Amino acid sequence: MQKLSSITDKLAGRAAVLGGAALTAGGITEIVHSQRHAGNRVIGVAGYLALSFFVVALISIAPSFLALARRARPGLAMKAALAAAAGTTVLGVTSITSIVNGHDLALFNVLAPLTNGAWLLGSVVIAVSLKRAGTVPTPVAVGLPLAWVATIPLATIGGGVLSGAYYLATGYLLATAAIDHTRSTAPQPATA
């Protein structure tokens, strides 16, 4: 746990920017050369490119969950971040076997639902905690689980472009220390 807390916002932000760029590139690849009918096979250069971008993205976005959870309410958010980060990392590493073999192995069919579940559930818990804490802009909190939707269910129609935009923006905010939301303390108008 000590090593995980040493992941700086700058590192997490830069990794998220890399992940966002990879998701965007993968989304564009899917738009231009759809893999919708490929099933569990990797077809052609476009299939290998899309899957390679997917692997890079999943491993790269993992630190951002931890950086975001540090801004959420203490407790459950950090555990959710660990689950989401583990989910994306394991899914990314498992996807490497699909690149090597040209198709998904039986192991992938067992691990994919578990890792996706950890990623989605972790994202939802972090998002709720961030929203309640009010420490980051609302689109950052709400966008976290929506990025999963764009990345996984909408993948074959280019959803990676949407999730890529989210991680590019969030990564930029983390890397530049501009993510922290300060509540407005402007004076309120007097009422009669």
Protein backbone atom coordinates (compact mmCIF):
# COMPACT_ATOMS: atom_id res chain seq x y z
CA MET A 1 0.00 0.00 0.00
CA GLN A 2 2.91 2.33 0.73
CA LYS A 3 4.22 2.05 -2.85
CA LEU A 4 0.77 2.77 -4.26
CA SER A 5 0.49 5.98 -2.25
CA SER A 6 3.82 7.09 -3.72
CA ILE A 7 2.19 7.43 -7.16
CA THR A 8 2.15 11.17 -7.66
CA ASP A 9 -0.62 13.10 -9.35
CA LYS A 10 1.86 14.16 -12.02
CA LEU A 11 2.75 10.54 -12.82
CA ALA A 12 -0.90 9.45 -12.72
CA GLY A 13 -1.84 12.39 -14.94
CA ARG A 14 0.83 11.69 -17.51
CA ALA A 15 -0.11 8.01 -17.57
CA ALA A 16 -3.79 8.96 -18.00
CA VAL A 17 -2.87 11.24 -20.92
CA LEU A 18 -1.03 8.31 -22.53
CA GLY A 19 -4.05 6.09 -21.86
CA GLY A 20 -6.39 8.72 -23.29
CA ALA A 21 -4.30 9.02 -26.44
CA ALA A 22 -4.26 5.22 -26.83
CA LEU A 23 -8.04 5.00 -26.31
CA THR A 24 -8.60 7.74 -28.87
CA ALA A 25 -6.30 6.04 -31.39
CA GLY A 26 -8.05 2.71 -30.79
CA GLY A 27 -11.45 4.37 -31.18
CA ILE A 28 -10.43 5.94 -34.48
CA THR A 29 -9.10 2.58 -35.65
CA GLU A 30 -12.46 0.99 -34.78
CA ILE A 31 -14.36 3.70 -36.66
CA VAL A 32 -12.21 3.32 -39.78
CA HIS A 33 -11.81 -0.49 -39.66
CA SER A 34 -14.58 -1.91 -37.50
CA GLN A 35 -13.88 -5.17 -35.69
CA ARG A 36 -17.57 -5.55 -34.82
CA HIS A 37 -17.90 -8.93 -36.55
CA ALA A 38 -14.53 -10.33 -35.49
CA GLY A 39 -15.88 -12.14 -32.43
CA ASN A 40 -12.99 -13.34 -30.30
CA ARG A 41 -10.53 -13.27 -33.20
CA VAL A 42 -8.02 -10.56 -34.02
CA ILE A 43 -8.39 -9.74 -37.72
CA GLY A 44 -5.83 -7.86 -39.77
CA VAL A 45 -3.52 -5.03 -38.91
CA ALA A 46 -6.45 -2.92 -37.68
CA GLY A 47 -7.43 -5.64 -35.19
CA TYR A 48 -3.91 -5.87 -33.82
CA LEU A 49 -3.63 -2.08 -33.65
CA ALA A 50 -6.95 -1.65 -31.85
CA LEU A 51 -6.08 -4.36 -29.33
CA SER A 52 -2.57 -2.97 -28.79
CA PHE A 53 -3.97 0.50 -28.13
CA PHE A 54 -6.46 -1.11 -25.72
CA VAL A 55 -3.66 -2.83 -23.76
CA VAL A 56 -1.60 0.37 -23.47
CA ALA A 57 -4.68 2.35 -22.43
CA LEU A 58 -5.84 -0.04 -19.72
CA ILE A 59 -2.45 -0.29 -18.06
CA SER A 60 -1.90 3.47 -18.34
CA ILE A 61 -5.18 4.58 -16.78
CA ALA A 62 -4.76 2.42 -13.66
CA PRO A 63 -2.84 5.04 -11.60
CA SER A 64 -5.53 7.66 -12.24
CA PHE A 65 -8.02 5.71 -10.11
CA LEU A 66 -5.68 5.98 -7.14
CA ALA A 67 -5.04 9.70 -7.71
CA LEU A 68 -8.77 10.41 -7.96
CA ALA A 69 -9.57 8.31 -4.88
CA ARG A 70 -7.21 10.46 -2.80
CA ARG A 71 -9.62 13.34 -3.43
CA ALA A 72 -12.72 11.33 -2.52
CA ARG A 73 -14.16 10.66 0.89
CA PRO A 74 -11.75 8.47 2.85
CA GLY A 75 -12.37 4.77 3.28
CA LEU A 76 -14.23 2.86 0.61
CA ALA A 77 -13.01 5.00 -2.30
CA MET A 78 -9.39 3.84 -1.97
CA LYS A 79 -10.46 0.19 -1.87
CA ALA A 80 -12.60 0.81 -4.95
CA ALA A 81 -9.64 2.48 -6.65
CA LEU A 82 -7.47 -0.54 -5.95
CA ALA A 83 -10.15 -2.81 -7.44
CA ALA A 84 -10.57 -0.62 -10.53
CA ALA A 85 -6.81 -0.29 -11.04
CA ALA A 86 -6.32 -4.03 -10.61
CA GLY A 87 -9.22 -4.68 -12.99
CA THR A 88 -7.81 -2.53 -15.79
CA THR A 89 -4.27 -3.81 -15.29
CA VAL A 90 -5.24 -7.49 -15.26
CA LEU A 91 -7.56 -7.01 -18.23
CA GLY A 92 -4.78 -5.24 -20.13
CA VAL A 93 -2.20 -7.91 -19.35
CA THR A 94 -4.68 -10.67 -20.21
CA SER A 95 -5.40 -8.97 -23.54
CA ILE A 96 -1.75 -9.41 -24.46
CA THR A 97 -2.47 -13.13 -24.84
CA SER A 98 -5.07 -12.26 -27.48
CA ILE A 99 -2.47 -10.26 -29.40
CA VAL A 100 0.04 -13.11 -29.21
CA ASN A 101 -2.42 -15.88 -30.15
CA GLY A 102 -4.63 -13.94 -32.57
CA HIS A 103 -7.74 -14.81 -30.56
CA ASP A 104 -9.05 -14.77 -27.00
CA LEU A 105 -8.03 -17.74 -24.89
CA ALA A 106 -10.55 -19.51 -22.64
CA LEU A 107 -8.85 -17.79 -19.68
CA PHE A 108 -9.88 -14.43 -21.13
CA ASN A 109 -13.56 -15.42 -21.07
CA VAL A 110 -13.27 -16.10 -17.33
CA LEU A 111 -11.20 -13.05 -16.38
CA ALA A 112 -12.87 -10.42 -18.57
CA PRO A 113 -16.19 -10.30 -16.67
CA LEU A 114 -14.38 -10.20 -13.32
CA THR A 115 -11.95 -7.47 -14.32
CA ASN A 116 -14.64 -5.41 -16.06
CA GLY A 117 -16.84 -5.74 -12.99
CA ALA A 118 -14.04 -4.54 -10.71
CA TRP A 119 -13.33 -1.64 -13.06
CA LEU A 120 -16.98 -0.57 -13.39
CA LEU A 121 -17.97 -1.04 -9.76
CA GLY A 122 -14.78 0.66 -8.58
CA SER A 123 -15.44 3.57 -10.93
CA VAL A 124 -19.00 3.98 -9.67
CA VAL A 125 -17.91 3.97 -6.02
CA ILE A 126 -15.12 6.48 -6.67
CA ALA A 127 -17.47 8.70 -8.70
CA VAL A 128 -20.11 8.78 -5.95
CA SER A 129 -17.50 9.49 -3.31
CA LEU A 130 -15.93 12.25 -5.42
CA LYS A 131 -19.31 13.84 -6.08
CA ARG A 132 -20.20 13.79 -2.39
CA ALA A 133 -16.81 15.19 -1.40
CA GLY A 134 -17.09 18.00 -3.96
CA THR A 135 -13.34 18.14 -4.42
CA VAL A 136 -13.21 17.78 -8.20
CA PRO A 137 -15.36 19.22 -10.99
CA THR A 138 -18.59 17.25 -11.49
CA PRO A 139 -17.70 16.09 -15.04
CA VAL A 140 -14.57 14.39 -13.68
CA ALA A 141 -16.60 12.44 -11.11
CA VAL A 142 -19.55 11.59 -13.36
CA GLY A 143 -17.32 10.82 -16.34
CA LEU A 144 -15.41 8.06 -14.58
CA PRO A 145 -18.03 5.27 -14.92
CA LEU A 146 -19.20 6.72 -18.25
CA ALA A 147 -15.66 6.23 -19.57
CA TRP A 148 -16.06 2.49 -18.90
CA VAL A 149 -19.30 2.50 -20.90
CA ALA A 150 -17.56 4.21 -23.82
CA THR A 151 -14.53 1.92 -23.60
CA ILE A 152 -16.24 -1.47 -23.31
CA PRO A 153 -19.85 -1.61 -24.59
CA LEU A 154 -19.30 1.12 -27.20
CA ALA A 155 -15.83 -0.07 -28.25
CA THR A 156 -16.77 -1.47 -31.65
CA ILE A 157 -18.38 1.78 -32.77
CA GLY A 158 -15.47 3.99 -31.72
CA GLY A 159 -16.39 4.66 -28.09
CA GLY A 160 -12.68 4.87 -27.33
CA VAL A 161 -12.73 8.39 -28.76
CA LEU A 162 -15.12 9.46 -25.97
CA SER A 163 -13.29 7.67 -23.17
CA GLY A 164 -10.00 8.89 -24.61
CA ALA A 165 -11.21 12.48 -24.36
CA TYR A 166 -12.15 11.91 -20.73
CA TYR A 167 -8.75 10.47 -19.79
CA LEU A 168 -6.87 13.12 -21.80
CA ALA A 169 -8.71 15.88 -19.93
CA THR A 170 -8.53 14.23 -16.50
CA GLY A 171 -4.88 13.34 -17.02
CA TYR A 172 -4.09 16.92 -17.97
CA LEU A 173 -5.88 18.20 -14.86
CA LEU A 174 -3.97 15.75 -12.65
CA ALA A 175 -0.58 16.42 -14.24
CA THR A 176 -0.94 20.19 -13.97
CA ALA A 177 -2.42 20.15 -10.44
CA ALA A 178 -5.56 21.86 -11.76
CA ILE A 179 -8.04 19.15 -10.81
CA ASP A 180 -8.88 20.25 -7.30
CA HIS A 181 -12.21 22.02 -7.21
CA THR A 182 -12.59 24.83 -4.77
CA ARG A 183 -16.08 25.58 -3.65
CA SER A 184 -17.17 29.07 -4.47
CA THR A 185 -17.07 31.29 -1.44
CA ALA A 186 -18.37 34.38 -3.22
CA PRO A 187 -20.56 36.56 -1.07
CA GLN A 188 -24.27 35.98 -1.52
CA PRO A 189 -26.51 38.89 -2.42
CA ALA A 190 -28.42 40.39 0.48
CA THR A 191 -32.11 39.64 0.62
CA ALA A 192 -34.65 42.09 1.91
